[in-house]
Amino acid sequence: MPNFVSGVIRFQQEIFPSRREFFEQLSDGQRPECLFITCSDARIETAMITQTEPGELFICRNAGNIVPPHTHHTGGMTASIEFAVGVLEVPHIVICGHTECSAMNGALNPASIDGLDHVREWLGYSKAAVSVVNAIGEGLDARTRMRMLVEQNVILQLQHLRTHPAVATGLAQRKLTLHGWVYDIRTGEVHAYDFATDAFVPVSEHYAAAIAKALTHKHD
């Protein structure tokens, strides 16, 4: 029997009964704090990384954590972004890339995805990030170039995100904050994009002021 099937049975028999009241509350509706856009990679476990409970994140996943620029074409990402911002009124959006990303490897090495027409077209939304890496990453070793691409792709997708009307409106009204993250699978580290310095820094450093403020309020 597949492991995920036995997991459902354990959930129903062991986990759910002990948290029945919590799930009863969840059945009344969702009020997520964040739209979390990340890669479909099986190694990315959003709840583990963020230590969040069910109901706290509205999650969208796809190969390469990509956000196509807004057009009149209706796609799954476009509709989900519009719903999260326009209906659920999430105050935060995170785009989270990760190391050892197969999608980014395909974008950087097109020959590796020969015959995968839909994958090739989808990764076209990362083309500008690949161009940046090819322009400024010449001479760097393969691991460094890949890390650079993962970071540049997050920055590019943040730019694409701003083209969505609901996002642009939320930003203009100062009701919405955008975050760009890179998760390192090997070390567990998460770096956040600092718009002011155009660099990725550890989350503990990037959010230090907010963390200090929250702790102060907690002790008041």
N, C-alpha and C. Protein backbone atom coordinates (compact mmCIF):
# COMPACT_ATOMS: atom_id res chain seq x y z
N MET A 1 0.85 -1.19 0.00
CA MET A 1 0.00 0.00 0.00
C MET A 1 0.89 1.24 0.00
N PRO A 2 0.56 2.24 -0.84
CA PRO A 2 1.36 3.48 -0.85
C PRO A 2 1.39 4.13 0.53
N ASN A 3 2.53 4.75 0.82
CA ASN A 3 2.71 5.39 2.12
C ASN A 3 1.68 6.48 2.37
N PHE A 4 1.30 7.22 1.29
CA PHE A 4 0.36 8.32 1.49
C PHE A 4 -1.04 7.82 1.83
N VAL A 5 -1.38 6.60 1.41
CA VAL A 5 -2.68 6.04 1.75
C VAL A 5 -2.70 5.65 3.23
N SER A 6 -1.66 4.99 3.68
CA SER A 6 -1.61 4.62 5.10
C SER A 6 -1.57 5.87 5.98
N GLY A 7 -0.98 6.94 5.43
CA GLY A 7 -0.95 8.21 6.16
C GLY A 7 -2.34 8.77 6.38
N VAL A 8 -3.20 8.67 5.37
CA VAL A 8 -4.59 9.14 5.51
C VAL A 8 -5.30 8.36 6.62
N ILE A 9 -5.08 7.08 6.64
CA ILE A 9 -5.72 6.24 7.66
C ILE A 9 -5.24 6.64 9.05
N ARG A 10 -3.94 6.87 9.21
CA ARG A 10 -3.41 7.31 10.52
C ARG A 10 -3.99 8.65 10.90
N PHE A 11 -4.12 9.55 9.91
CA PHE A 11 -4.70 10.87 10.19
C PHE A 11 -6.12 10.73 10.72
N GLN A 12 -6.92 9.91 10.06
CA GLN A 12 -8.32 9.75 10.45
C GLN A 12 -8.47 9.07 11.80
N GLN A 13 -7.58 8.14 12.09
CA GLN A 13 -7.72 7.36 13.32
C GLN A 13 -7.01 7.98 14.52
N GLU A 14 -5.89 8.71 14.27
CA GLU A 14 -5.08 9.18 15.38
C GLU A 14 -5.04 10.71 15.53
N ILE A 15 -4.92 11.42 14.41
CA ILE A 15 -4.74 12.87 14.48
C ILE A 15 -6.06 13.61 14.59
N PHE A 16 -6.97 13.33 13.65
CA PHE A 16 -8.23 14.07 13.60
C PHE A 16 -9.02 14.00 14.90
N PRO A 17 -9.20 12.83 15.51
CA PRO A 17 -10.01 12.76 16.74
C PRO A 17 -9.49 13.66 17.86
N SER A 18 -8.17 13.80 17.96
CA SER A 18 -7.59 14.61 19.03
C SER A 18 -7.70 16.11 18.77
N ARG A 19 -8.02 16.47 17.51
CA ARG A 19 -8.12 17.89 17.15
C ARG A 19 -9.45 18.19 16.48
N ARG A 20 -10.45 17.48 16.88
CA ARG A 20 -11.77 17.61 16.25
C ARG A 20 -12.30 19.05 16.33
N GLU A 21 -12.12 19.69 17.47
CA GLU A 21 -12.61 21.06 17.64
C GLU A 21 -11.91 22.03 16.69
N PHE A 22 -10.61 21.83 16.51
CA PHE A 22 -9.85 22.69 15.59
C PHE A 22 -10.37 22.57 14.16
N PHE A 23 -10.61 21.34 13.72
CA PHE A 23 -11.10 21.14 12.36
C PHE A 23 -12.55 21.61 12.21
N GLU A 24 -13.30 21.59 13.29
CA GLU A 24 -14.65 22.13 13.26
C GLU A 24 -14.61 23.63 13.00
N GLN A 25 -13.64 24.31 13.61
CA GLN A 25 -13.47 25.75 13.38
C GLN A 25 -13.05 26.02 11.94
N LEU A 26 -12.16 25.17 11.42
CA LEU A 26 -11.71 25.34 10.03
C LEU A 26 -12.87 25.19 9.04
N SER A 27 -13.85 24.38 9.38
CA SER A 27 -14.97 24.15 8.47
C SER A 27 -15.83 25.39 8.28
N ASP A 28 -15.67 26.38 9.16
CA ASP A 28 -16.46 27.62 9.05
C ASP A 28 -15.92 28.56 7.98
N GLY A 29 -14.70 28.32 7.49
CA GLY A 29 -14.13 29.19 6.46
C GLY A 29 -12.64 29.38 6.67
N GLN A 30 -12.00 29.99 5.68
CA GLN A 30 -10.55 30.21 5.75
C GLN A 30 -10.22 31.68 5.84
N ARG A 31 -9.21 32.00 6.65
CA ARG A 31 -8.73 33.36 6.78
C ARG A 31 -7.19 33.35 6.77
N PRO A 32 -6.60 32.95 5.65
CA PRO A 32 -5.14 32.82 5.60
C PRO A 32 -4.43 34.16 5.72
N GLU A 33 -3.26 34.11 6.29
CA GLU A 33 -2.44 35.30 6.46
C GLU A 33 -1.62 35.61 5.22
N CYS A 34 -1.43 34.59 4.37
CA CYS A 34 -0.46 34.72 3.29
C CYS A 34 -0.83 33.84 2.10
N LEU A 35 -0.61 34.37 0.90
CA LEU A 35 -0.59 33.57 -0.32
C LEU A 35 0.85 33.13 -0.50
N PHE A 36 1.07 31.82 -0.44
CA PHE A 36 2.42 31.27 -0.48
C PHE A 36 2.60 30.54 -1.80
N ILE A 37 3.43 31.10 -2.68
CA ILE A 37 3.67 30.54 -4.01
C ILE A 37 5.04 29.87 -4.00
N THR A 38 5.05 28.56 -4.22
CA THR A 38 6.32 27.86 -4.19
C THR A 38 6.34 26.77 -5.25
N CYS A 39 7.44 26.03 -5.30
CA CYS A 39 7.64 25.01 -6.32
C CYS A 39 6.88 23.73 -5.96
N SER A 40 6.57 22.94 -6.97
CA SER A 40 5.90 21.65 -6.76
C SER A 40 6.83 20.58 -6.23
N ASP A 41 8.11 20.86 -6.18
CA ASP A 41 9.11 19.89 -5.73
C ASP A 41 8.66 19.18 -4.45
N ALA A 42 8.73 17.86 -4.46
CA ALA A 42 8.24 17.07 -3.33
C ALA A 42 9.01 17.30 -2.04
N ARG A 43 10.20 17.89 -2.16
CA ARG A 43 11.01 18.13 -0.96
C ARG A 43 10.64 19.40 -0.22
N ILE A 44 9.74 20.19 -0.79
CA ILE A 44 9.35 21.45 -0.17
C ILE A 44 8.09 21.23 0.65
N GLU A 45 8.20 21.28 1.95
CA GLU A 45 7.06 21.10 2.85
C GLU A 45 6.77 22.44 3.52
N THR A 46 5.78 23.13 3.00
CA THR A 46 5.52 24.51 3.42
C THR A 46 5.20 24.63 4.91
N ALA A 47 4.37 23.72 5.43
CA ALA A 47 4.00 23.81 6.85
C ALA A 47 5.20 23.59 7.75
N MET A 48 6.11 22.70 7.34
CA MET A 48 7.30 22.43 8.15
C MET A 48 8.23 23.64 8.13
N ILE A 49 8.42 24.23 6.95
CA ILE A 49 9.33 25.36 6.84
C ILE A 49 8.82 26.57 7.62
N THR A 50 7.53 26.84 7.52
CA THR A 50 6.95 28.03 8.15
C THR A 50 6.35 27.76 9.52
N GLN A 51 6.28 26.49 9.90
CA GLN A 51 5.67 26.11 11.19
C GLN A 51 4.27 26.69 11.33
N THR A 52 3.47 26.50 10.30
CA THR A 52 2.10 27.01 10.30
C THR A 52 1.10 25.86 10.41
N GLU A 53 -0.11 26.22 10.82
CA GLU A 53 -1.20 25.27 10.95
C GLU A 53 -2.08 25.32 9.71
N PRO A 54 -2.93 24.31 9.50
CA PRO A 54 -3.90 24.37 8.41
C PRO A 54 -4.74 25.65 8.54
N GLY A 55 -4.98 26.30 7.41
CA GLY A 55 -5.77 27.52 7.40
C GLY A 55 -4.97 28.80 7.41
N GLU A 56 -3.66 28.71 7.67
CA GLU A 56 -2.85 29.92 7.77
C GLU A 56 -2.23 30.34 6.45
N LEU A 57 -2.02 29.39 5.53
CA LEU A 57 -1.42 29.69 4.23
C LEU A 57 -2.36 29.28 3.11
N PHE A 58 -2.51 30.16 2.12
CA PHE A 58 -3.20 29.83 0.88
C PHE A 58 -2.09 29.49 -0.11
N ILE A 59 -1.96 28.22 -0.47
CA ILE A 59 -0.76 27.74 -1.15
C ILE A 59 -1.01 27.48 -2.64
N CYS A 60 -0.13 28.00 -3.48
CA CYS A 60 -0.12 27.71 -4.91
C CYS A 60 1.24 27.13 -5.26
N ARG A 61 1.25 25.99 -5.93
CA ARG A 61 2.51 25.34 -6.28
C ARG A 61 2.55 25.01 -7.75
N ASN A 62 3.71 25.19 -8.34
CA ASN A 62 3.93 24.80 -9.73
C ASN A 62 5.43 24.64 -9.96
N ALA A 63 5.78 24.03 -11.07
CA ALA A 63 7.19 23.82 -11.39
C ALA A 63 7.90 25.16 -11.55
N GLY A 64 8.84 25.45 -10.65
CA GLY A 64 9.62 26.67 -10.75
C GLY A 64 9.06 27.87 -10.03
N ASN A 65 8.00 27.68 -9.21
CA ASN A 65 7.35 28.79 -8.49
C ASN A 65 7.19 30.01 -9.40
N ILE A 66 6.52 29.78 -10.50
CA ILE A 66 6.38 30.79 -11.55
C ILE A 66 5.03 31.50 -11.46
N VAL A 67 5.06 32.80 -11.74
CA VAL A 67 3.85 33.62 -11.84
C VAL A 67 3.84 34.24 -13.23
N PRO A 68 3.03 33.72 -14.14
CA PRO A 68 2.97 34.34 -15.47
C PRO A 68 2.50 35.79 -15.37
N PRO A 69 3.05 36.68 -16.19
CA PRO A 69 2.54 38.06 -16.21
C PRO A 69 1.05 38.05 -16.53
N HIS A 70 0.35 39.03 -16.02
CA HIS A 70 -1.10 39.08 -16.22
C HIS A 70 -1.45 39.31 -17.69
N THR A 71 -2.40 38.52 -18.19
CA THR A 71 -2.96 38.71 -19.53
C THR A 71 -4.46 38.48 -19.42
N HIS A 72 -5.14 38.53 -20.56
CA HIS A 72 -6.57 38.26 -20.57
C HIS A 72 -6.86 36.76 -20.56
N HIS A 73 -5.80 35.96 -20.69
CA HIS A 73 -5.98 34.51 -20.62
C HIS A 73 -6.15 34.09 -19.17
N THR A 74 -7.16 33.28 -18.90
CA THR A 74 -7.40 32.81 -17.54
C THR A 74 -6.64 31.51 -17.30
N GLY A 75 -5.74 31.55 -16.34
CA GLY A 75 -4.98 30.36 -15.95
C GLY A 75 -5.14 30.12 -14.47
N GLY A 76 -4.68 28.97 -14.01
CA GLY A 76 -4.84 28.62 -12.61
C GLY A 76 -4.14 29.59 -11.67
N MET A 77 -2.92 30.02 -12.00
CA MET A 77 -2.21 30.95 -11.14
C MET A 77 -2.90 32.31 -11.10
N THR A 78 -3.33 32.79 -12.27
CA THR A 78 -3.99 34.08 -12.34
C THR A 78 -5.26 34.10 -11.49
N ALA A 79 -6.08 33.07 -11.62
CA ALA A 79 -7.33 33.00 -10.87
C ALA A 79 -7.06 32.88 -9.37
N SER A 80 -6.07 32.09 -9.00
CA SER A 80 -5.77 31.88 -7.59
C SER A 80 -5.25 33.16 -6.94
N ILE A 81 -4.40 33.89 -7.65
CA ILE A 81 -3.89 35.17 -7.13
C ILE A 81 -5.04 36.15 -6.94
N GLU A 82 -5.89 36.24 -7.94
CA GLU A 82 -7.04 37.16 -7.86
C GLU A 82 -7.95 36.81 -6.68
N PHE A 83 -8.20 35.52 -6.48
CA PHE A 83 -9.06 35.09 -5.38
C PHE A 83 -8.42 35.37 -4.03
N ALA A 84 -7.14 35.04 -3.91
CA ALA A 84 -6.44 35.23 -2.64
C ALA A 84 -6.42 36.69 -2.21
N VAL A 85 -6.16 37.57 -3.17
CA VAL A 85 -6.04 39.00 -2.85
C VAL A 85 -7.42 39.68 -2.84
N GLY A 86 -8.25 39.37 -3.85
CA GLY A 86 -9.52 40.07 -3.97
C GLY A 86 -10.61 39.59 -3.04
N VAL A 87 -10.61 38.30 -2.71
CA VAL A 87 -11.66 37.73 -1.87
C VAL A 87 -11.16 37.46 -0.45
N LEU A 88 -10.06 36.73 -0.34
CA LEU A 88 -9.54 36.39 0.98
C LEU A 88 -8.79 37.55 1.63
N GLU A 89 -8.39 38.52 0.81
CA GLU A 89 -7.71 39.73 1.29
C GLU A 89 -6.46 39.41 2.11
N VAL A 90 -5.64 38.51 1.58
CA VAL A 90 -4.39 38.18 2.27
C VAL A 90 -3.51 39.43 2.33
N PRO A 91 -2.86 39.69 3.47
CA PRO A 91 -2.00 40.87 3.56
C PRO A 91 -0.56 40.63 3.08
N HIS A 92 -0.23 39.35 2.81
CA HIS A 92 1.14 39.03 2.39
C HIS A 92 1.13 38.02 1.24
N ILE A 93 2.11 38.17 0.35
CA ILE A 93 2.36 37.17 -0.68
C ILE A 93 3.84 36.82 -0.64
N VAL A 94 4.14 35.54 -0.55
CA VAL A 94 5.52 35.06 -0.59
C VAL A 94 5.72 34.25 -1.86
N ILE A 95 6.81 34.54 -2.58
CA ILE A 95 7.27 33.66 -3.65
C ILE A 95 8.53 33.00 -3.13
N CYS A 96 8.49 31.67 -3.01
CA CYS A 96 9.58 30.94 -2.39
C CYS A 96 10.23 29.97 -3.38
N GLY A 97 11.44 30.28 -3.79
CA GLY A 97 12.22 29.37 -4.61
C GLY A 97 13.04 28.46 -3.72
N HIS A 98 13.81 27.56 -4.31
CA HIS A 98 14.61 26.64 -3.49
C HIS A 98 15.83 26.16 -4.26
N THR A 99 16.81 25.70 -3.52
CA THR A 99 18.03 25.16 -4.11
C THR A 99 17.74 23.80 -4.75
N GLU A 100 18.66 23.36 -5.60
CA GLU A 100 18.51 22.08 -6.29
C GLU A 100 17.18 21.98 -7.03
N CYS A 101 16.76 23.06 -7.68
CA CYS A 101 15.46 23.11 -8.36
C CYS A 101 15.59 22.53 -9.78
N SER A 102 14.88 21.44 -10.03
CA SER A 102 14.93 20.79 -11.34
C SER A 102 14.38 21.69 -12.43
N ALA A 103 13.35 22.47 -12.11
CA ALA A 103 12.76 23.37 -13.09
C ALA A 103 13.78 24.41 -13.54
N MET A 104 14.50 24.99 -12.57
CA MET A 104 15.51 25.99 -12.92
C MET A 104 16.68 25.36 -13.67
N ASN A 105 16.99 24.12 -13.35
CA ASN A 105 18.03 23.42 -14.11
C ASN A 105 17.60 23.25 -15.57
N GLY A 106 16.31 22.96 -15.77
CA GLY A 106 15.79 22.84 -17.13
C GLY A 106 15.81 24.17 -17.86
N ALA A 107 15.51 25.25 -17.13
CA ALA A 107 15.53 26.58 -17.75
C ALA A 107 16.94 26.97 -18.18
N LEU A 108 17.92 26.60 -17.37
CA LEU A 108 19.31 26.96 -17.65
C LEU A 108 19.94 26.03 -18.68
N ASN A 109 19.41 24.80 -18.77
CA ASN A 109 19.94 23.81 -19.69
C ASN A 109 18.81 23.25 -20.55
N PRO A 110 18.38 23.99 -21.57
CA PRO A 110 17.21 23.62 -22.39
C PRO A 110 17.30 22.22 -23.00
N ALA A 111 18.49 21.73 -23.27
CA ALA A 111 18.63 20.39 -23.87
C ALA A 111 18.09 19.31 -22.96
N SER A 112 18.07 19.57 -21.66
CA SER A 112 17.61 18.56 -20.70
C SER A 112 16.10 18.38 -20.72
N ILE A 113 15.38 19.29 -21.37
CA ILE A 113 13.93 19.17 -21.43
C ILE A 113 13.44 19.01 -22.87
N ASP A 114 14.30 18.53 -23.74
CA ASP A 114 13.89 18.24 -25.12
C ASP A 114 12.73 17.25 -25.12
N GLY A 115 11.72 17.54 -25.91
CA GLY A 115 10.56 16.67 -25.99
C GLY A 115 9.47 17.00 -24.98
N LEU A 116 9.78 17.84 -24.01
CA LEU A 116 8.79 18.26 -23.01
C LEU A 116 8.28 19.64 -23.40
N ASP A 117 7.41 19.67 -24.38
CA ASP A 117 6.98 20.93 -24.98
C ASP A 117 6.30 21.86 -23.99
N HIS A 118 5.42 21.30 -23.16
CA HIS A 118 4.69 22.15 -22.21
C HIS A 118 5.62 22.67 -21.11
N VAL A 119 6.57 21.84 -20.69
CA VAL A 119 7.55 22.28 -19.69
C VAL A 119 8.40 23.41 -20.26
N ARG A 120 8.84 23.24 -21.50
CA ARG A 120 9.66 24.27 -22.15
C ARG A 120 8.90 25.60 -22.24
N GLU A 121 7.63 25.53 -22.62
CA GLU A 121 6.84 26.76 -22.73
C GLU A 121 6.65 27.41 -21.37
N TRP A 122 6.36 26.60 -20.36
CA TRP A 122 6.14 27.12 -19.01
C TRP A 122 7.39 27.80 -18.48
N LEU A 123 8.54 27.18 -18.70
CA LEU A 123 9.80 27.74 -18.19
C LEU A 123 10.23 28.97 -18.98
N GLY A 124 9.53 29.24 -20.07
CA GLY A 124 9.78 30.49 -20.80
C GLY A 124 9.51 31.70 -19.94
N TYR A 125 8.69 31.54 -18.91
CA TYR A 125 8.41 32.65 -17.99
C TYR A 125 9.60 32.96 -17.08
N SER A 126 10.65 32.14 -17.18
CA SER A 126 11.89 32.39 -16.43
C SER A 126 13.02 32.87 -17.34
N LYS A 127 12.70 33.11 -18.60
CA LYS A 127 13.72 33.43 -19.60
C LYS A 127 14.56 34.65 -19.21
N ALA A 128 13.92 35.68 -18.69
CA ALA A 128 14.66 36.89 -18.34
C ALA A 128 15.67 36.61 -17.22
N ALA A 129 15.30 35.74 -16.28
CA ALA A 129 16.22 35.39 -15.20
C ALA A 129 17.42 34.63 -15.76
N VAL A 130 17.17 33.73 -16.72
CA VAL A 130 18.26 32.99 -17.36
C VAL A 130 19.18 33.96 -18.09
N SER A 131 18.61 34.94 -18.75
CA SER A 131 19.42 35.93 -19.48
C SER A 131 20.33 36.71 -18.54
N VAL A 132 19.80 37.06 -17.37
CA VAL A 132 20.61 37.78 -16.38
C VAL A 132 21.80 36.92 -15.95
N VAL A 133 21.54 35.66 -15.64
CA VAL A 133 22.60 34.76 -15.19
C VAL A 133 23.65 34.56 -16.28
N ASN A 134 23.20 34.40 -17.51
CA ASN A 134 24.15 34.23 -18.61
C ASN A 134 25.00 35.48 -18.82
N ALA A 135 24.43 36.64 -18.48
CA ALA A 135 25.15 37.89 -18.70
C ALA A 135 26.15 38.20 -17.58
N ILE A 136 25.76 37.93 -16.33
CA ILE A 136 26.62 38.34 -15.21
C ILE A 136 27.24 37.15 -14.47
N GLY A 137 26.83 35.94 -14.84
CA GLY A 137 27.35 34.77 -14.13
C GLY A 137 28.37 33.98 -14.91
N GLU A 138 28.85 34.54 -16.00
CA GLU A 138 29.85 33.82 -16.81
C GLU A 138 31.13 33.59 -16.01
N GLY A 139 31.61 32.37 -16.04
CA GLY A 139 32.83 32.06 -15.32
C GLY A 139 32.61 31.50 -13.93
N LEU A 140 31.38 31.59 -13.44
CA LEU A 140 31.08 31.05 -12.12
C LEU A 140 30.88 29.53 -12.21
N ASP A 141 31.09 28.84 -11.10
CA ASP A 141 30.88 27.39 -11.10
C ASP A 141 29.39 27.09 -11.19
N ALA A 142 29.07 25.84 -11.53
CA ALA A 142 27.68 25.46 -11.80
C ALA A 142 26.77 25.69 -10.61
N ARG A 143 27.22 25.37 -9.40
CA ARG A 143 26.38 25.54 -8.21
C ARG A 143 26.06 27.01 -7.96
N THR A 144 27.07 27.87 -8.13
CA THR A 144 26.86 29.30 -7.91
C THR A 144 25.91 29.88 -8.96
N ARG A 145 26.08 29.45 -10.20
CA ARG A 145 25.19 29.91 -11.27
C ARG A 145 23.74 29.49 -11.00
N MET A 146 23.56 28.27 -10.50
CA MET A 146 22.22 27.80 -10.22
C MET A 146 21.60 28.58 -9.06
N ARG A 147 22.37 28.85 -8.04
CA ARG A 147 21.86 29.64 -6.92
C ARG A 147 21.48 31.04 -7.40
N MET A 148 22.29 31.60 -8.27
CA MET A 148 21.99 32.91 -8.83
C MET A 148 20.68 32.87 -9.62
N LEU A 149 20.47 31.82 -10.40
CA LEU A 149 19.24 31.70 -11.18
C LEU A 149 18.03 31.56 -10.29
N VAL A 150 18.14 30.74 -9.25
CA VAL A 150 17.02 30.58 -8.32
C VAL A 150 16.63 31.94 -7.74
N GLU A 151 17.62 32.74 -7.35
CA GLU A 151 17.36 34.05 -6.79
C GLU A 151 16.79 35.01 -7.83
N GLN A 152 17.39 35.04 -9.02
CA GLN A 152 16.91 35.92 -10.07
C GLN A 152 15.49 35.55 -10.51
N ASN A 153 15.18 34.27 -10.47
CA ASN A 153 13.84 33.84 -10.84
C ASN A 153 12.81 34.34 -9.83
N VAL A 154 13.14 34.30 -8.55
CA VAL A 154 12.24 34.84 -7.53
C VAL A 154 12.00 36.32 -7.76
N ILE A 155 13.07 37.06 -8.05
CA ILE A 155 12.94 38.50 -8.31
C ILE A 155 12.07 38.74 -9.53
N LEU A 156 12.27 37.95 -10.58
CA LEU A 156 11.49 38.10 -11.81
C LEU A 156 10.01 37.81 -11.56
N GLN A 157 9.72 36.76 -10.81
CA GLN A 157 8.32 36.41 -10.56
C GLN A 157 7.64 37.46 -9.67
N LEU A 158 8.39 38.11 -8.80
CA LEU A 158 7.84 39.23 -8.04
C LEU A 158 7.44 40.37 -8.97
N GLN A 159 8.26 40.59 -10.00
CA GLN A 159 7.92 41.62 -11.00
C GLN A 159 6.66 41.23 -11.75
N HIS A 160 6.56 39.96 -12.14
CA HIS A 160 5.35 39.49 -12.82
C HIS A 160 4.12 39.66 -11.94
N LEU A 161 4.30 39.39 -10.65
CA LEU A 161 3.18 39.47 -9.70
C LEU A 161 2.58 40.87 -9.68
N ARG A 162 3.42 41.88 -9.81
CA ARG A 162 2.96 43.26 -9.76
C ARG A 162 2.07 43.63 -10.96
N THR A 163 2.11 42.82 -12.03
CA THR A 163 1.28 43.13 -13.21
C THR A 163 -0.16 42.68 -13.01
N HIS A 164 -0.45 41.91 -11.99
CA HIS A 164 -1.81 41.45 -11.74
C HIS A 164 -2.61 42.57 -11.07
N PRO A 165 -3.75 42.95 -11.64
CA PRO A 165 -4.51 44.10 -11.14
C PRO A 165 -4.81 44.05 -9.64
N ALA A 166 -5.22 42.90 -9.12
CA ALA A 166 -5.55 42.81 -7.70
C ALA A 166 -4.32 43.09 -6.84
N VAL A 167 -3.16 42.61 -7.29
CA VAL A 167 -1.92 42.84 -6.56
C VAL A 167 -1.51 44.30 -6.64
N ALA A 168 -1.57 44.87 -7.84
CA ALA A 168 -1.22 46.29 -8.02
C ALA A 168 -2.09 47.18 -7.15
N THR A 169 -3.38 46.85 -7.08
CA THR A 169 -4.31 47.63 -6.26
C THR A 169 -3.98 47.50 -4.78
N GLY A 170 -3.73 46.27 -4.34
CA GLY A 170 -3.39 46.04 -2.94
C GLY A 170 -2.12 46.76 -2.53
N LEU A 171 -1.12 46.78 -3.43
CA LEU A 171 0.12 47.48 -3.14
C LEU A 171 -0.10 48.99 -3.08
N ALA A 172 -0.90 49.50 -4.00
CA ALA A 172 -1.18 50.94 -4.04
C ALA A 172 -1.91 51.40 -2.77
N GLN A 173 -2.77 50.52 -2.26
CA GLN A 173 -3.53 50.84 -1.05
C GLN A 173 -2.76 50.50 0.22
N ARG A 174 -1.55 50.00 0.06
CA ARG A 174 -0.70 49.60 1.19
C ARG A 174 -1.37 48.55 2.07
N LYS A 175 -2.13 47.68 1.44
CA LYS A 175 -2.78 46.58 2.14
C LYS A 175 -2.06 45.26 1.92
N LEU A 176 -1.02 45.30 1.11
CA LEU A 176 -0.36 44.08 0.67
C LEU A 176 1.16 44.25 0.71
N THR A 177 1.84 43.21 1.16
CA THR A 177 3.30 43.21 1.20
C THR A 177 3.82 41.99 0.45
N LEU A 178 4.82 42.19 -0.41
CA LEU A 178 5.40 41.09 -1.18
C LEU A 178 6.72 40.64 -0.55
N HIS A 179 6.96 39.33 -0.59
CA HIS A 179 8.17 38.75 -0.03
C HIS A 179 8.77 37.78 -1.04
N GLY A 180 10.08 37.81 -1.19
CA GLY A 180 10.78 36.85 -2.04
C GLY A 180 11.74 36.03 -1.20
N TRP A 181 11.57 34.71 -1.22
CA TRP A 181 12.39 33.84 -0.39
C TRP A 181 13.11 32.78 -1.22
N VAL A 182 14.22 32.30 -0.68
CA VAL A 182 14.90 31.12 -1.22
C VAL A 182 15.19 30.18 -0.07
N TYR A 183 14.70 28.96 -0.19
CA TYR A 183 14.88 27.93 0.83
C TYR A 183 16.01 26.99 0.41
N ASP A 184 16.97 26.78 1.30
CA ASP A 184 18.09 25.89 1.04
C ASP A 184 17.77 24.51 1.62
N ILE A 185 17.54 23.54 0.77
CA ILE A 185 17.15 22.20 1.21
C ILE A 185 18.22 21.57 2.09
N ARG A 186 19.48 21.75 1.73
CA ARG A 186 20.58 21.09 2.43
C ARG A 186 20.78 21.64 3.84
N THR A 187 20.64 22.95 4.01
CA THR A 187 20.96 23.58 5.30
C THR A 187 19.73 23.98 6.12
N GLY A 188 18.57 24.06 5.45
CA GLY A 188 17.37 24.52 6.14
C GLY A 188 17.27 26.03 6.24
N GLU A 189 18.25 26.73 5.71
CA GLU A 189 18.24 28.19 5.77
C GLU A 189 17.21 28.77 4.79
N VAL A 190 16.64 29.90 5.16
CA VAL A 190 15.75 30.64 4.28
C VAL A 190 16.28 32.07 4.19
N HIS A 191 16.49 32.54 2.96
CA HIS A 191 16.94 33.91 2.74
C HIS A 191 15.81 34.71 2.10
N ALA A 192 15.69 35.95 2.53
CA ALA A 192 14.63 36.84 2.03
C ALA A 192 15.24 37.94 1.19
N TYR A 193 14.52 38.33 0.15
CA TYR A 193 15.00 39.39 -0.74
C TYR A 193 14.77 40.75 -0.10
N ASP A 194 15.84 41.53 -0.03
CA ASP A 194 15.77 42.89 0.48
C ASP A 194 15.67 43.83 -0.71
N PHE A 195 14.49 44.42 -0.89
CA PHE A 195 14.26 45.29 -2.04
C PHE A 195 15.19 46.50 -2.03
N ALA A 196 15.56 46.98 -0.85
CA ALA A 196 16.39 48.18 -0.75
C ALA A 196 17.82 47.93 -1.19
N THR A 197 18.36 46.76 -0.84
CA THR A 197 19.76 46.46 -1.17
C THR A 197 19.91 45.54 -2.37
N ASP A 198 18.79 45.02 -2.89
CA ASP A 198 18.80 44.09 -4.02
C ASP A 198 19.66 42.87 -3.69
N ALA A 199 19.46 42.33 -2.49
CA ALA A 199 20.25 41.17 -2.06
C ALA A 199 19.38 40.26 -1.20
N PHE A 200 19.77 38.99 -1.13
CA PHE A 200 19.08 38.03 -0.27
C PHE A 200 19.84 37.90 1.04
N VAL A 201 19.11 38.03 2.14
CA VAL A 201 19.72 37.96 3.47
C VAL A 201 18.92 36.97 4.33
N PRO A 202 19.52 36.42 5.39
CA PRO A 202 18.79 35.49 6.25
C PRO A 202 17.49 36.11 6.78
N VAL A 203 16.45 35.30 6.88
CA VAL A 203 15.16 35.83 7.33
C VAL A 203 15.27 36.47 8.71
N SER A 204 16.10 35.89 9.58
CA SER A 204 16.24 36.45 10.93
C SER A 204 16.80 37.86 10.89
N GLU A 205 17.63 38.13 9.89
CA GLU A 205 18.20 39.47 9.72
C GLU A 205 17.20 40.40 9.03
N HIS A 206 16.57 39.90 7.98
CA HIS A 206 15.66 40.73 7.19
C HIS A 206 14.46 41.18 8.01
N TYR A 207 13.95 40.31 8.87
CA TYR A 207 12.76 40.63 9.65
C TYR A 207 13.09 40.95 11.11
N ALA A 208 14.33 41.30 11.40
CA ALA A 208 14.76 41.53 12.78
C ALA A 208 13.91 42.59 13.48
N ALA A 209 13.65 43.69 12.80
CA ALA A 209 12.88 44.77 13.42
C ALA A 209 11.45 44.32 13.73
N ALA A 210 10.85 43.59 12.79
CA ALA A 210 9.47 43.12 12.99
C ALA A 210 9.40 42.11 14.12
N ILE A 211 10.42 41.25 14.21
CA ILE A 211 10.47 40.26 15.28
C ILE A 211 10.61 40.95 16.64
N ALA A 212 11.47 41.94 16.71
CA ALA A 212 11.68 42.67 17.96
C ALA A 212 10.41 43.39 18.38
N LYS A 213 9.71 43.97 17.42
CA LYS A 213 8.46 44.68 17.71
C LYS A 213 7.41 43.72 18.23
N ALA A 214 7.32 42.54 17.61
CA ALA A 214 6.33 41.55 18.03
C ALA A 214 6.62 41.07 19.45
N LEU A 215 7.90 40.87 19.78
CA LEU A 215 8.27 40.43 21.11
C LEU A 215 7.95 41.49 22.15
N THR A 216 8.15 42.75 21.79
CA THR A 216 7.84 43.85 22.70
C THR A 216 6.35 43.88 23.02
N HIS A 217 5.53 43.74 21.98
CA HIS A 217 4.08 43.75 22.17
C HIS A 217 3.63 42.55 22.99
N LYS A 218 4.33 41.42 22.82
CA LYS A 218 3.97 40.20 23.53
C LYS A 218 4.18 40.37 25.03
N HIS A 219 5.22 41.11 25.40
CA HIS A 219 5.55 41.27 26.82
C HIS A 219 4.85 42.47 27.45
N ASP A 220 4.19 43.30 26.63
CA ASP A 220 3.47 44.47 27.19
C ASP A 220 2.19 44.03 27.90
